[in-house]
N, C-alpha and C. Protein backbone atom coordinates (compact mmCIF):
# COMPACT_ATOMS: atom_id res chain seq x y z
N MET A 1 133.22 86.08 7.16
CA MET A 1 132.69 86.64 8.71
C MET A 1 131.37 86.56 8.79
N ARG A 2 130.57 86.60 8.02
CA ARG A 2 129.22 86.23 8.23
C ARG A 2 128.72 84.93 8.38
N LYS A 3 129.43 83.94 7.87
CA LYS A 3 129.27 82.62 8.06
C LYS A 3 129.71 82.31 9.59
N GLY A 4 130.76 82.84 9.83
CA GLY A 4 131.42 82.74 11.14
C GLY A 4 130.25 83.11 12.33
N ILE A 5 129.75 84.21 12.15
CA ILE A 5 128.56 84.81 13.03
C ILE A 5 127.53 83.66 12.96
N ILE A 6 126.91 83.35 11.85
CA ILE A 6 125.94 82.43 11.79
C ILE A 6 126.27 81.13 12.36
N ALA A 7 127.61 80.55 12.41
CA ALA A 7 127.74 79.27 13.05
C ALA A 7 127.93 79.32 14.47
N THR A 8 128.41 80.52 14.90
CA THR A 8 128.32 80.93 16.44
C THR A 8 126.92 81.08 17.02
N VAL A 9 126.02 81.68 16.20
CA VAL A 9 124.64 81.63 16.67
C VAL A 9 123.97 80.39 16.58
N LEU A 10 124.26 79.47 15.64
CA LEU A 10 123.66 78.13 15.72
C LEU A 10 124.29 77.25 16.77
N GLY A 11 125.59 77.46 16.96
CA GLY A 11 126.11 76.68 18.08
C GLY A 11 125.51 77.01 19.27
N ALA A 12 125.52 78.21 19.62
CA ALA A 12 124.65 78.90 20.91
C ALA A 12 123.50 78.47 21.13
N ALA A 13 122.57 78.29 20.03
CA ALA A 13 121.31 77.81 20.13
C ALA A 13 121.25 76.45 20.32
N ALA A 14 122.03 75.75 19.75
CA ALA A 14 122.09 74.28 20.14
C ALA A 14 122.34 73.99 21.60
N VAL A 15 123.30 74.73 22.15
CA VAL A 15 123.74 74.59 23.50
C VAL A 15 122.61 74.84 24.24
N LEU A 16 121.93 76.07 23.75
CA LEU A 16 120.57 76.57 24.97
C LEU A 16 119.57 75.49 24.83
N ALA A 17 119.05 74.97 23.62
CA ALA A 17 118.21 73.82 23.59
C ALA A 17 118.63 72.68 24.22
N GLY A 18 119.89 72.31 24.25
CA GLY A 18 120.24 71.28 24.98
C GLY A 18 120.04 71.31 26.45
N CYS A 19 120.00 72.54 27.09
CA CYS A 19 119.98 72.76 28.51
C CYS A 19 118.20 73.04 28.81
N LYS A 20 117.29 72.99 27.81
CA LYS A 20 116.06 73.08 28.05
C LYS A 20 115.47 71.91 28.73
N ALA A 21 114.89 71.75 29.62
CA ALA A 21 114.04 70.74 30.37
C ALA A 21 112.70 70.92 30.27
N GLY A 22 112.03 69.67 30.25
CA GLY A 22 110.54 69.52 30.22
C GLY A 22 110.18 68.27 30.29
N GLY A 23 109.07 67.69 30.92
CA GLY A 23 108.46 66.62 30.68
C GLY A 23 109.35 65.51 31.38
N ASP A 24 109.59 64.30 30.44
CA ASP A 24 110.49 63.32 30.88
C ASP A 24 111.91 63.69 30.81
N TYR A 25 112.21 64.90 30.14
CA TYR A 25 113.60 64.99 29.79
C TYR A 25 114.14 66.22 30.64
N GLN A 26 115.19 66.00 31.28
CA GLN A 26 115.70 66.99 32.34
C GLN A 26 116.74 67.83 31.96
N GLY A 27 116.86 67.69 30.76
CA GLY A 27 118.10 68.53 30.23
C GLY A 27 119.40 68.04 30.32
N LEU A 28 120.46 68.80 29.97
CA LEU A 28 121.76 68.41 30.11
C LEU A 28 122.45 69.00 31.40
N GLU A 29 123.23 68.64 31.94
CA GLU A 29 123.94 69.31 33.27
C GLU A 29 125.56 69.45 32.94
N TYR A 30 125.88 70.51 33.38
CA TYR A 30 127.36 70.87 33.37
C TYR A 30 127.74 70.24 34.47
N ALA A 31 128.97 69.68 34.58
CA ALA A 31 129.69 68.92 35.80
C ALA A 31 128.75 68.16 36.85
N PRO A 32 128.03 67.22 36.41
CA PRO A 32 126.97 66.62 37.35
C PRO A 32 127.34 66.28 38.66
N ASN A 33 128.69 66.10 38.72
CA ASN A 33 129.11 65.78 40.11
C ASN A 33 129.02 67.00 41.13
N MET A 34 128.78 68.21 40.58
CA MET A 34 128.48 69.06 41.56
C MET A 34 126.99 69.12 42.16
N TYR A 35 126.11 68.33 41.44
CA TYR A 35 124.78 68.32 41.88
C TYR A 35 124.69 67.08 42.39
N HIS A 36 125.08 66.07 42.06
CA HIS A 36 124.88 64.61 42.65
C HIS A 36 125.85 64.25 43.25
N SER A 37 125.88 64.01 44.58
CA SER A 37 126.83 63.47 45.49
C SER A 37 127.08 62.12 45.25
N VAL A 38 128.26 61.64 45.18
CA VAL A 38 128.59 60.23 44.87
C VAL A 38 128.74 59.51 46.43
N ALA A 39 128.87 60.36 47.45
CA ALA A 39 129.11 59.61 48.87
C ALA A 39 127.74 59.42 49.26
N TYR A 40 127.56 58.82 50.32
CA TYR A 40 126.32 58.50 50.91
C TYR A 40 125.62 59.66 51.48
N GLU A 41 124.41 59.89 51.67
CA GLU A 41 123.88 60.96 52.33
C GLU A 41 122.62 60.40 53.02
N PRO A 42 122.49 61.01 54.29
CA PRO A 42 121.69 60.50 55.24
C PRO A 42 120.11 60.45 54.76
N LEU A 43 119.51 61.56 54.30
CA LEU A 43 118.25 62.27 53.89
C LEU A 43 117.90 61.89 52.41
N SER A 44 118.66 61.74 51.53
CA SER A 44 118.61 61.13 50.20
C SER A 44 119.29 60.02 49.67
N GLN A 45 118.32 59.13 49.24
CA GLN A 45 118.89 57.79 48.71
C GLN A 45 118.39 57.93 47.26
N ILE A 46 119.25 57.45 46.29
CA ILE A 46 119.05 57.20 44.97
C ILE A 46 119.26 55.61 44.79
N THR A 47 118.25 54.65 44.82
CA THR A 47 118.33 53.28 44.89
C THR A 47 118.63 52.55 43.46
N ASP A 48 118.27 53.28 42.29
CA ASP A 48 118.54 52.74 41.31
C ASP A 48 119.96 52.55 40.81
N GLU A 49 120.75 51.59 40.77
CA GLU A 49 122.28 51.23 40.57
C GLU A 49 122.66 51.67 39.13
N SER A 50 121.65 51.91 38.19
CA SER A 50 122.05 52.53 36.86
C SER A 50 121.86 53.92 36.77
N ALA A 51 121.48 54.52 37.84
CA ALA A 51 121.29 56.14 37.83
C ALA A 51 122.56 56.92 37.54
N GLY A 52 122.76 57.42 36.32
CA GLY A 52 123.97 58.19 36.17
C GLY A 52 124.97 57.39 35.46
N THR A 53 124.62 56.27 34.67
CA THR A 53 125.70 55.61 34.04
C THR A 53 126.26 56.19 32.83
N ILE A 54 125.67 57.38 32.47
CA ILE A 54 126.10 58.04 31.34
C ILE A 54 127.27 59.15 31.62
N VAL A 55 127.41 59.30 32.97
CA VAL A 55 128.54 59.97 33.39
C VAL A 55 129.28 59.17 34.39
N ASN A 56 129.10 57.77 34.30
CA ASN A 56 130.04 57.20 35.21
C ASN A 56 131.34 57.12 35.16
N SER A 57 131.93 57.38 36.30
CA SER A 57 133.38 57.46 36.47
C SER A 57 133.97 56.37 37.57
N LEU A 58 132.92 55.51 38.14
CA LEU A 58 133.07 54.39 38.94
C LEU A 58 133.58 53.16 38.24
N ASP A 59 134.30 52.33 38.93
CA ASP A 59 134.65 51.18 38.41
C ASP A 59 133.86 49.80 39.15
N ASN A 60 132.82 50.40 39.73
CA ASN A 60 132.11 49.06 40.23
C ASN A 60 130.74 48.68 39.51
N GLY A 61 130.59 49.15 38.36
CA GLY A 61 129.49 48.95 37.49
C GLY A 61 128.22 49.71 37.72
N ARG A 62 128.08 50.52 38.75
CA ARG A 62 127.26 51.24 39.03
C ARG A 62 126.90 52.57 38.58
N GLY A 63 125.92 53.28 38.64
CA GLY A 63 125.74 54.64 37.92
C GLY A 63 126.42 55.74 39.09
N GLU A 64 126.74 56.77 38.34
CA GLU A 64 127.40 57.93 39.37
C GLU A 64 126.40 58.21 40.51
N TYR A 65 125.05 58.44 40.03
CA TYR A 65 124.39 58.75 41.00
C TYR A 65 123.65 58.05 42.20
N PHE A 66 123.91 56.83 42.16
CA PHE A 66 123.58 55.89 43.03
C PHE A 66 124.13 55.94 44.46
N ASN A 67 123.58 56.26 45.29
CA ASN A 67 124.19 56.49 46.75
C ASN A 67 123.49 55.99 48.03
N SER A 68 123.03 54.69 47.92
CA SER A 68 122.14 54.06 48.84
C SER A 68 123.01 52.81 49.29
N ASN A 69 122.69 52.52 50.76
CA ASN A 69 123.29 51.34 51.21
C ASN A 69 122.29 50.26 51.11
N LYS A 70 122.44 49.50 50.28
CA LYS A 70 121.49 48.45 50.08
C LYS A 70 121.24 47.44 51.14
N TYR A 71 122.27 47.51 52.27
CA TYR A 71 122.35 46.52 53.29
C TYR A 71 121.59 46.92 54.41
N ASN A 72 121.11 48.22 54.32
CA ASN A 72 120.33 48.64 55.42
C ASN A 72 118.91 48.66 55.32
N PRO A 73 117.91 48.61 55.95
CA PRO A 73 116.49 48.48 55.75
C PRO A 73 116.09 49.57 54.99
N TYR A 74 115.29 49.51 53.94
CA TYR A 74 114.93 50.42 52.80
C TYR A 74 115.86 51.20 52.19
N ALA A 75 117.09 50.66 52.20
CA ALA A 75 118.20 51.18 51.43
C ALA A 75 118.67 52.68 52.03
N MET A 76 118.17 52.82 53.22
CA MET A 76 118.64 54.18 53.88
C MET A 76 120.06 54.27 54.35
N ASN A 77 120.76 55.38 54.45
CA ASN A 77 121.98 55.57 54.69
C ASN A 77 122.19 55.60 56.32
N LEU A 78 120.92 56.30 56.89
CA LEU A 78 120.89 56.30 58.48
C LEU A 78 120.41 55.08 58.95
N ARG A 79 120.92 54.51 59.95
CA ARG A 79 120.31 53.47 60.58
C ARG A 79 119.22 53.56 61.42
N GLU A 80 118.21 52.82 61.52
CA GLU A 80 117.09 53.03 62.60
C GLU A 80 117.73 52.90 63.91
N PRO A 81 117.18 53.56 64.92
CA PRO A 81 117.61 53.03 66.45
C PRO A 81 117.14 51.77 66.74
N ALA A 82 117.98 50.95 67.53
CA ALA A 82 117.56 49.80 68.09
C ALA A 82 116.04 49.83 68.88
N PRO A 83 115.45 48.83 68.72
CA PRO A 83 114.01 48.96 69.39
C PRO A 83 114.09 49.23 70.74
N ASN A 84 112.98 50.06 71.42
CA ASN A 84 113.02 50.11 72.59
C ASN A 84 114.29 50.86 73.44
N THR A 85 114.89 51.78 72.38
CA THR A 85 115.97 52.44 73.14
C THR A 85 115.91 53.89 73.01
N VAL A 86 116.46 54.55 73.86
CA VAL A 86 116.19 56.00 74.07
C VAL A 86 117.57 56.78 73.94
N LYS A 87 117.68 57.81 72.71
CA LYS A 87 119.00 58.42 72.76
C LYS A 87 119.43 59.42 73.96
N ARG A 88 120.53 59.21 74.31
CA ARG A 88 121.28 59.98 75.54
C ARG A 88 121.96 61.25 74.86
N ASP A 89 122.34 62.15 75.71
CA ASP A 89 122.87 63.36 75.30
C ASP A 89 124.28 62.94 75.47
N PRO A 90 125.31 63.96 74.91
CA PRO A 90 126.69 63.47 75.04
C PRO A 90 127.23 63.28 76.37
N ARG A 91 126.63 63.67 77.71
CA ARG A 91 126.87 63.56 78.95
C ARG A 91 126.34 62.20 79.40
N GLY A 92 125.46 61.43 78.64
CA GLY A 92 124.96 60.39 78.98
C GLY A 92 123.33 60.57 79.81
N TRP A 93 122.91 61.80 79.68
CA TRP A 93 121.81 62.17 80.49
C TRP A 93 120.36 61.67 79.43
N LEU A 94 119.58 61.23 79.96
CA LEU A 94 118.47 60.90 79.16
C LEU A 94 117.56 62.08 78.95
N PRO A 95 116.65 62.28 77.84
CA PRO A 95 115.74 63.40 77.58
C PRO A 95 114.73 63.71 78.44
N TYR A 96 114.08 64.56 78.72
CA TYR A 96 113.05 65.16 79.66
C TYR A 96 111.81 64.53 79.03
N ARG A 97 110.97 63.45 79.45
CA ARG A 97 109.91 63.08 79.01
C ARG A 97 108.66 63.60 79.55
N GLY A 98 108.53 64.78 79.82
CA GLY A 98 107.25 65.50 80.32
C GLY A 98 106.26 65.53 79.26
N LYS A 99 105.29 66.65 79.59
CA LYS A 99 104.28 66.78 78.68
C LYS A 99 103.63 68.03 79.19
N ARG A 100 103.04 68.76 78.03
CA ARG A 100 101.93 69.81 78.77
C ARG A 100 100.89 69.48 79.52
N ILE A 101 100.74 70.13 80.72
CA ILE A 101 99.79 69.68 81.56
C ILE A 101 99.18 71.12 82.03
N ALA A 102 98.06 70.87 82.83
CA ALA A 102 97.54 72.07 83.24
C ALA A 102 98.37 72.61 84.36
N LYS A 103 98.27 73.86 84.29
CA LYS A 103 99.05 74.77 85.04
C LYS A 103 98.97 74.60 86.56
N ASP A 104 98.09 74.14 87.17
CA ASP A 104 97.80 73.78 88.86
C ASP A 104 98.52 72.48 88.99
N SER A 105 98.83 72.01 88.18
CA SER A 105 99.10 70.19 88.08
C SER A 105 100.72 70.18 88.19
N ILE A 106 101.44 71.45 87.80
CA ILE A 106 102.60 71.41 87.45
C ILE A 106 103.78 71.02 88.59
N PRO A 107 103.40 71.93 89.93
CA PRO A 107 104.17 71.68 90.94
C PRO A 107 104.24 70.12 91.49
N ALA A 108 103.08 69.57 91.28
CA ALA A 108 103.11 68.00 91.93
C ALA A 108 104.01 67.33 90.65
N TYR A 109 103.95 67.34 89.51
CA TYR A 109 104.55 66.72 88.22
C TYR A 109 105.93 66.92 88.31
N THR A 110 106.44 68.10 88.74
CA THR A 110 107.84 68.19 88.81
C THR A 110 108.57 68.17 89.91
N ALA A 111 108.00 67.85 91.03
CA ALA A 111 108.40 67.85 92.39
C ALA A 111 110.04 67.05 92.44
N LYS A 112 110.02 66.09 91.74
CA LYS A 112 111.16 65.26 91.69
C LYS A 112 111.98 65.53 90.51
N LEU A 113 111.59 66.29 89.74
CA LEU A 113 112.77 67.02 88.61
C LEU A 113 113.81 67.92 89.14
N SER A 114 115.04 67.42 89.54
CA SER A 114 115.92 68.30 89.78
C SER A 114 117.11 68.90 88.67
N ASN A 115 117.86 69.74 89.15
CA ASN A 115 118.68 70.51 88.20
C ASN A 115 119.89 69.60 88.07
N PRO A 116 120.34 68.77 87.03
CA PRO A 116 121.51 68.10 86.81
C PRO A 116 122.70 68.91 86.85
N LEU A 117 122.59 70.13 86.33
CA LEU A 117 123.69 71.07 86.25
C LEU A 117 124.22 71.42 87.86
N ARG A 118 123.31 71.27 88.63
CA ARG A 118 123.96 71.79 90.00
C ARG A 118 124.94 70.71 90.55
N ARG A 119 125.03 69.29 89.98
CA ARG A 119 126.07 68.58 90.18
C ARG A 119 127.49 68.82 90.22
N ASP A 120 127.54 70.05 89.13
CA ASP A 120 128.91 70.29 89.10
C ASP A 120 128.87 71.98 89.77
N THR A 121 129.31 71.62 90.93
CA THR A 121 129.31 72.79 91.94
C THR A 121 130.32 73.70 91.56
N ALA A 122 131.53 73.30 90.90
CA ALA A 122 132.32 74.36 90.45
C ALA A 122 132.13 75.16 89.42
N GLN A 123 130.92 74.90 88.66
CA GLN A 123 130.65 75.65 87.57
C GLN A 123 129.25 76.30 87.72
N VAL A 124 128.72 76.39 88.94
CA VAL A 124 127.55 77.09 89.42
C VAL A 124 127.42 78.36 88.99
N ALA A 125 128.47 79.20 89.47
CA ALA A 125 128.74 80.50 89.23
C ALA A 125 128.56 80.78 87.79
N ALA A 126 129.32 80.04 86.89
CA ALA A 126 129.57 80.22 85.50
C ALA A 126 128.08 80.12 84.97
N TYR A 127 127.27 79.08 85.38
CA TYR A 127 126.05 78.78 84.66
C TYR A 127 125.03 79.74 85.26
N LEU A 128 125.25 80.51 86.32
CA LEU A 128 124.44 81.60 86.81
C LEU A 128 124.69 82.93 85.59
N GLU A 129 125.84 83.07 85.25
CA GLU A 129 126.18 84.45 84.57
C GLU A 129 125.78 84.13 83.15
N GLN A 130 125.71 82.59 82.76
CA GLN A 130 125.21 82.28 81.34
C GLN A 130 123.68 82.27 81.43
N GLY A 131 123.11 82.03 82.55
CA GLY A 131 121.58 81.95 82.61
C GLY A 131 121.18 83.42 82.39
N LYS A 132 121.95 84.35 82.87
CA LYS A 132 121.54 85.65 83.02
C LYS A 132 121.36 86.11 81.51
N VAL A 133 122.44 85.97 80.86
CA VAL A 133 122.74 86.53 79.39
C VAL A 133 121.40 85.71 78.67
N LEU A 134 121.08 84.43 78.86
CA LEU A 134 119.95 83.72 78.10
C LEU A 134 118.57 84.27 78.75
N TYR A 135 118.26 84.88 79.82
CA TYR A 135 117.21 85.53 80.58
C TYR A 135 117.00 86.54 79.84
N VAL A 136 117.96 87.42 79.54
CA VAL A 136 117.79 88.56 78.84
C VAL A 136 117.43 88.53 77.27
N SER A 137 118.00 87.50 76.68
CA SER A 137 117.50 87.34 75.18
C SER A 137 116.24 86.39 75.00
N GLN A 138 116.04 85.76 76.12
CA GLN A 138 114.97 84.73 75.82
C GLN A 138 113.49 85.34 76.69
N CYS A 139 113.67 85.88 77.77
CA CYS A 139 112.68 85.94 78.73
C CYS A 139 112.39 87.49 79.07
N GLN A 140 113.33 88.15 79.25
CA GLN A 140 113.17 89.53 79.89
C GLN A 140 112.21 90.51 79.07
N HIS A 141 112.05 90.03 77.85
CA HIS A 141 110.95 90.94 76.98
C HIS A 141 109.83 90.87 77.43
N CYS A 142 109.51 89.93 78.12
CA CYS A 142 107.97 89.47 78.64
C CYS A 142 108.12 89.77 80.18
N HIS A 143 108.88 89.18 80.95
CA HIS A 143 108.81 89.03 82.51
C HIS A 143 109.48 89.99 82.96
N GLY A 144 110.32 90.93 82.13
CA GLY A 144 111.06 92.14 82.72
C GLY A 144 112.31 91.74 83.24
N LYS A 145 113.16 93.03 83.50
CA LYS A 145 114.48 92.74 84.06
C LYS A 145 114.74 92.15 85.21
N THR A 146 113.71 92.44 86.14
CA THR A 146 113.90 91.76 87.39
C THR A 146 112.78 90.59 87.70
N GLY A 147 112.09 90.38 86.59
CA GLY A 147 111.16 88.90 86.74
C GLY A 147 109.84 89.50 87.29
N ALA A 148 109.79 90.95 87.47
CA ALA A 148 108.44 91.16 88.13
C ALA A 148 107.36 91.85 86.95
N ALA A 149 107.51 91.26 85.91
CA ALA A 149 106.59 91.66 84.79
C ALA A 149 106.26 93.08 84.67
N GLU A 150 107.65 93.67 84.64
CA GLU A 150 107.68 95.31 84.49
C GLU A 150 107.68 95.65 83.01
N SER A 151 108.03 94.65 82.20
CA SER A 151 108.09 94.98 80.62
C SER A 151 106.72 95.57 80.09
N LYS A 152 107.00 96.29 78.84
CA LYS A 152 105.71 96.91 78.05
C LYS A 152 105.10 95.94 77.63
N ILE A 153 105.43 94.83 77.36
CA ILE A 153 104.39 93.88 76.84
C ILE A 153 103.69 93.26 77.94
N ALA A 154 104.20 93.18 79.08
CA ALA A 154 103.25 92.77 80.26
C ALA A 154 102.40 93.58 80.48
N GLN A 155 102.67 95.02 80.56
CA GLN A 155 101.80 95.93 80.90
C GLN A 155 100.59 96.29 79.83
N ASN A 156 100.93 95.60 78.52
CA ASN A 156 100.09 95.85 77.62
C ASN A 156 99.25 94.57 77.30
N TYR A 157 99.57 93.38 77.80
CA TYR A 157 99.16 92.14 77.65
C TYR A 157 97.95 91.88 78.14
N ALA A 158 96.76 91.95 77.60
CA ALA A 158 95.44 91.98 78.40
C ALA A 158 95.50 90.45 79.23
N LEU A 159 95.83 89.49 78.59
CA LEU A 159 95.85 88.10 79.32
C LEU A 159 96.94 87.97 80.55
N GLY A 160 97.78 88.53 80.79
CA GLY A 160 98.76 88.73 81.61
C GLY A 160 100.03 87.91 81.51
N VAL A 161 101.26 88.34 82.21
CA VAL A 161 102.37 87.64 81.90
C VAL A 161 102.75 87.43 83.42
N ALA A 162 103.06 86.20 83.74
CA ALA A 162 103.55 85.95 85.05
C ALA A 162 104.56 87.05 85.70
N ASN A 163 104.32 87.24 86.94
CA ASN A 163 105.19 88.04 87.92
C ASN A 163 105.87 87.07 88.69
N LEU A 164 107.21 86.83 88.29
CA LEU A 164 107.93 85.61 89.15
C LEU A 164 108.23 86.13 90.39
N LYS A 165 108.26 87.48 90.76
CA LYS A 165 108.41 88.07 92.19
C LYS A 165 107.23 87.97 92.83
N ALA A 166 106.00 87.66 92.38
CA ALA A 166 104.91 87.39 93.22
C ALA A 166 104.92 86.47 94.13
N GLU A 167 104.17 86.31 95.23
CA GLU A 167 104.33 85.52 96.38
C GLU A 167 104.13 83.99 95.87
N ASN A 168 102.90 83.71 95.14
CA ASN A 168 102.67 82.41 94.60
C ASN A 168 103.56 81.81 93.70
N TYR A 169 104.77 82.62 93.28
CA TYR A 169 105.89 82.11 92.29
C TYR A 169 107.03 82.01 93.01
N LEU A 170 107.14 82.63 94.31
CA LEU A 170 108.37 82.33 94.98
C LEU A 170 109.02 80.79 95.19
N GLY A 171 108.01 80.22 95.47
CA GLY A 171 108.10 78.86 95.88
C GLY A 171 108.39 77.58 94.79
N ILE A 172 108.23 78.26 93.47
CA ILE A 172 108.23 77.18 92.70
C ILE A 172 109.83 76.77 92.27
N THR A 173 110.08 75.59 91.86
CA THR A 173 111.37 74.66 91.88
C THR A 173 112.08 75.15 90.28
N GLU A 174 113.16 74.68 90.47
CA GLU A 174 114.14 74.83 89.02
C GLU A 174 113.35 73.77 87.98
N GLY A 175 113.06 72.76 88.45
CA GLY A 175 112.41 71.74 87.86
C GLY A 175 111.08 72.38 87.12
N HIS A 176 110.25 73.07 87.97
CA HIS A 176 109.09 73.68 87.71
C HIS A 176 109.55 74.59 86.53
N ILE A 177 110.44 75.34 86.79
CA ILE A 177 110.92 76.62 85.75
C ILE A 177 111.30 75.75 84.31
N PHE A 178 111.87 74.86 84.53
CA PHE A 178 112.36 73.99 83.24
C PHE A 178 111.28 73.40 82.46
N HIS A 179 110.42 72.75 83.30
CA HIS A 179 109.21 72.22 82.52
C HIS A 179 108.24 73.33 81.86
N VAL A 180 108.11 74.46 82.60
CA VAL A 180 107.33 75.58 81.91
C VAL A 180 107.97 76.14 80.61
N ILE A 181 109.29 76.23 80.76
CA ILE A 181 110.06 76.99 79.38
C ILE A 181 109.92 75.65 78.34
N THR A 182 109.96 74.28 78.67
CA THR A 182 109.92 73.33 77.74
C THR A 182 108.69 73.22 76.87
N PHE A 183 107.40 73.29 77.81
CA PHE A 183 106.31 72.90 77.20
C PHE A 183 105.35 73.94 77.62
N GLY A 184 105.56 75.08 78.14
CA GLY A 184 104.71 76.49 78.26
C GLY A 184 103.65 75.88 79.36
N ALA A 185 103.01 77.11 79.66
CA ALA A 185 101.87 76.75 80.66
C ALA A 185 101.21 78.13 80.67
N GLY A 186 99.88 77.84 80.68
CA GLY A 186 98.84 78.97 80.73
C GLY A 186 98.94 79.93 79.32
N ASN A 187 99.35 81.19 79.45
CA ASN A 187 99.35 82.06 78.15
C ASN A 187 100.78 81.92 77.66
N MET A 188 101.79 81.17 78.27
CA MET A 188 103.12 80.93 77.89
C MET A 188 103.42 79.81 76.59
N LEU A 189 103.80 80.03 75.63
CA LEU A 189 103.96 79.24 74.54
C LEU A 189 105.47 78.36 75.07
N PRO A 190 105.67 77.20 74.49
CA PRO A 190 106.51 76.29 74.74
C PRO A 190 107.78 76.97 73.86
N HIS A 191 108.99 76.64 74.68
CA HIS A 191 110.11 77.27 74.05
C HIS A 191 111.23 76.13 73.99
N GLY A 192 110.88 74.83 74.17
CA GLY A 192 111.80 73.56 74.18
C GLY A 192 112.36 73.43 72.66
N SER A 193 111.94 73.87 71.63
CA SER A 193 112.45 73.80 70.23
C SER A 193 113.46 75.00 70.14
N GLN A 194 113.26 76.01 71.06
CA GLN A 194 114.07 77.20 70.78
C GLN A 194 115.41 77.29 71.77
N VAL A 195 115.24 76.59 72.89
CA VAL A 195 116.22 76.73 73.83
C VAL A 195 116.70 75.51 74.37
N SER A 196 118.17 74.87 74.24
CA SER A 196 118.45 73.63 74.43
C SER A 196 118.16 73.10 76.17
N PRO A 197 118.22 71.96 76.33
CA PRO A 197 117.89 71.59 77.86
C PRO A 197 118.90 72.24 78.58
N ASP A 198 120.22 72.15 78.44
CA ASP A 198 121.04 72.87 79.55
C ASP A 198 120.90 74.37 79.56
N ASP A 199 120.38 75.09 78.72
CA ASP A 199 120.29 76.41 78.73
C ASP A 199 119.01 76.76 79.51
N ARG A 200 118.05 75.91 79.10
CA ARG A 200 116.84 75.92 80.05
C ARG A 200 117.12 75.72 81.66
N TRP A 201 117.97 74.94 81.86
CA TRP A 201 118.32 74.86 83.41
C TRP A 201 119.26 76.15 83.80
N LYS A 202 119.90 76.59 82.91
CA LYS A 202 120.53 77.81 83.18
C LYS A 202 119.64 78.89 83.68
N ILE A 203 118.67 79.20 82.62
CA ILE A 203 117.75 79.98 82.93
C ILE A 203 116.73 79.90 84.21
N ALA A 204 116.60 78.61 84.42
CA ALA A 204 115.86 78.33 85.80
C ALA A 204 116.73 78.60 87.09
N MET A 205 117.96 78.20 87.09
CA MET A 205 118.90 79.09 88.05
C MET A 205 118.86 80.45 88.10
N TYR A 206 119.05 81.19 86.97
CA TYR A 206 118.96 82.46 87.15
C TYR A 206 117.64 83.19 87.61
N VAL A 207 116.46 82.64 87.34
CA VAL A 207 115.19 82.90 87.85
C VAL A 207 115.37 82.92 89.37
N LYS A 208 115.67 81.64 89.91
CA LYS A 208 115.63 81.52 91.29
C LYS A 208 116.66 82.59 92.13
N GLN A 209 117.58 82.86 91.44
CA GLN A 209 118.45 84.10 91.81
C GLN A 209 117.83 85.23 91.93
N LEU A 210 116.98 85.62 90.50
CA LEU A 210 116.31 86.59 90.82
C LEU A 210 115.16 86.86 91.80
N GLN A 211 114.51 85.63 92.02
CA GLN A 211 113.38 85.76 93.07
C GLN A 211 113.99 85.99 94.54
N SER A 212 115.22 85.64 94.78
CA SER A 212 115.97 85.83 96.12
C SER A 212 116.37 87.26 96.47
N LYS A 213 116.34 88.11 95.39
CA LYS A 213 116.58 89.53 95.59
C LYS A 213 115.62 90.56 95.93
């Protein structure tokens, strides 16, 4: 009985010692295929063809962990885009290539920027409803329910929040609104990374509807 206990303890100690990693020794792994993908991965390339030979189950002579495409530049699994090309969205639209500029320059800068969602006239009503939901979640906390900057944030923010019902804002275009949501203006920070292009256009449509009331 005592010998059995001692053998069990020694066996457990050996297993635990084998799991200890440090320096150049990374320890033992249980079921390494759970940690190292055999399939290609776009952002993680292991270029050493001998990596993982100790657990190799492949018949191509390479280690289990090798997951690079040696025919692509830098052995990457992602292909670099062709030179001088611009990725289009699923509809074939080009991305907006604007930039943050002085507030007073925005009207002229966006004068020819039109809302592509307006082309689908049958969906305009649906886009406006979606724009309302987006406005409530993304804009109302500052600009207020009606757009007149009646929110608590606007009332307590010393630097001011734009009153979208003010006379000097009534003439702004949907392109102007889209640009400001994307890159920010004045005290407003950019929201281009938080709101998709389609959703920015829907918000712009709804803001113009608010201004007409």
